[in-house]
C-alpha atoms as a PDB file:
ATOM      1  CA  MET A   1       0.000   0.000   0.000  1.00  0.00           C
ATOM      2  CA  LYS A   2       1.347   3.383  -0.999  1.00  0.00           C
ATOM      3  CA  ASN A   3       1.538   6.175   1.571  1.00  0.00           C
ATOM      4  CA  LYS A   4      -0.448   9.279   0.707  1.00  0.00           C
ATOM      5  CA  PRO A   5       1.110  12.678   1.436  1.00  0.00           C
ATOM      6  CA  LEU A   6      -0.424  14.622   4.287  1.00  0.00           C
ATOM      7  CA  PRO A   7      -2.987  17.120   3.021  1.00  0.00           C
ATOM      8  CA  TYR A   8      -1.567  19.643   5.492  1.00  0.00           C
ATOM      9  CA  LEU A   9       1.581  20.015   3.401  1.00  0.00           C
ATOM     10  CA  GLU A  10      -0.399  21.733   0.659  1.00  0.00           C
ATOM     11  CA  MET A  11      -2.352  24.078   2.935  1.00  0.00           C
ATOM     12  CA  THR A  12      -1.691  27.772   3.409  1.00  0.00           C
ATOM     13  CA  ASN A  13      -0.966  29.095   6.905  1.00  0.00           C
ATOM     14  CA  ASP A  14      -4.493  30.507   7.111  1.00  0.00           C
ATOM     15  CA  GLN A  15      -5.976  27.148   6.190  1.00  0.00           C
ATOM     16  CA  LEU A  16      -3.806  25.440   8.804  1.00  0.00           C
ATOM     17  CA  VAL A  17      -4.896  27.897  11.495  1.00  0.00           C
ATOM     18  CA  TRP A  18      -8.577  27.324  10.663  1.00  0.00           C
ATOM     19  CA  SER A  19      -8.065  23.562  10.598  1.00  0.00           C
ATOM     20  CA  ILE A  20      -6.423  23.700  14.026  1.00  0.00           C
ATOM     21  CA  ARG A  21      -9.364  25.711  15.376  1.00  0.00           C
ATOM     22  CA  ASP A  22     -11.844  23.262  13.859  1.00  0.00           C
ATOM     23  CA  ALA A  23      -9.990  20.337  15.404  1.00  0.00           C
ATOM     24  CA  GLN A  24      -9.939  22.055  18.808  1.00  0.00           C
ATOM     25  CA  GLN A  25     -13.705  22.629  18.609  1.00  0.00           C
ATOM     26  CA  SER A  26     -14.215  18.987  17.676  1.00  0.00           C
ATOM     27  CA  ILE A  27     -12.171  17.924  20.699  1.00  0.00           C
ATOM     28  CA  SER A  28     -14.324  20.127  22.939  1.00  0.00           C
ATOM     29  CA  ARG A  29     -17.475  18.459  21.616  1.00  0.00           C
ATOM     30  CA  LEU A  30     -16.008  14.963  21.913  1.00  0.00           C
ATOM     31  CA  GLU A  31     -14.957  15.605  25.512  1.00  0.00           C
ATOM     32  CA  ARG A  32     -18.644  16.082  26.362  1.00  0.00           C
ATOM     33  CA  VAL A  33     -19.645  12.591  25.174  1.00  0.00           C
ATOM     34  CA  THR A  34     -21.278  10.778  28.078  1.00  0.00           C
ATOM     35  CA  ASP A  35     -22.637   7.644  26.415  1.00  0.00           C
ATOM     36  CA  PRO A  36     -20.497   4.756  27.719  1.00  0.00           C
ATOM     37  CA  HIS A  37     -20.780   2.953  24.366  1.00  0.00           C
ATOM     38  CA  LEU A  38     -19.304   5.948  22.541  1.00  0.00           C
ATOM     39  CA  LYS A  39     -16.753   7.035  25.129  1.00  0.00           C
ATOM     40  CA  ASP A  40     -13.886   4.844  23.818  1.00  0.00           C
ATOM     41  CA  ARG A  41     -14.470   5.913  20.219  1.00  0.00           C
ATOM     42  CA  ALA A  42     -14.630   9.561  21.302  1.00  0.00           C
ATOM     43  CA  GLN A  43     -11.330   9.214  23.176  1.00  0.00           C
ATOM     44  CA  TRP A  44      -9.701   7.598  20.140  1.00  0.00           C
ATOM     45  CA  SER A  45     -10.915  10.490  17.971  1.00  0.00           C
ATOM     46  CA  ILE A  46      -9.602  13.019  20.488  1.00  0.00           C
ATOM     47  CA  ASN A  47      -6.171  11.392  20.385  1.00  0.00           C
ATOM     48  CA  VAL A  48      -6.108  11.437  16.572  1.00  0.00           C
ATOM     49  CA  LEU A  49      -7.170  15.090  16.499  1.00  0.00           C
ATOM     50  CA  ARG A  50      -4.443  16.013  18.999  1.00  0.00           C
ATOM     51  CA  GLU A  51      -1.832  14.292  16.830  1.00  0.00           C
ATOM     52  CA  ASN A  52      -3.140  16.144  13.784  1.00  0.00           C
ATOM     53  CA  ILE A  53      -3.020  19.466  15.646  1.00  0.00           C
ATOM     54  CA  HIS A  54       0.575  18.759  16.622  1.00  0.00           C
ATOM     55  CA  VAL A  55       1.507  18.134  12.966  1.00  0.00           C
ATOM     56  CA  MET A  56      -0.357  21.215  11.744  1.00  0.00           C
ATOM     57  CA  ARG A  57       1.255  23.461  14.368  1.00  0.00           C
ATOM     58  CA  SER A  58       4.693  22.314  13.268  1.00  0.00           C
ATOM     59  CA  LEU A  59       3.875  23.525   9.751  1.00  0.00           C
ATOM     60  CA  VAL A  60       2.561  26.996  10.641  1.00  0.00           C
END
């Protein structure tokens, strides 16, 4: 399987900043999940978003 390049590499700084803000808002919503059946999936998504934010911040 061939690795795809990160879409962040082709984004402008403004696009990266907005994407970081969107990801932070998504994390805030996911942190409010209370359903025990969805809690693990929400935590997984939070972790992925945090990794993505870290990558995007390194590019700004």
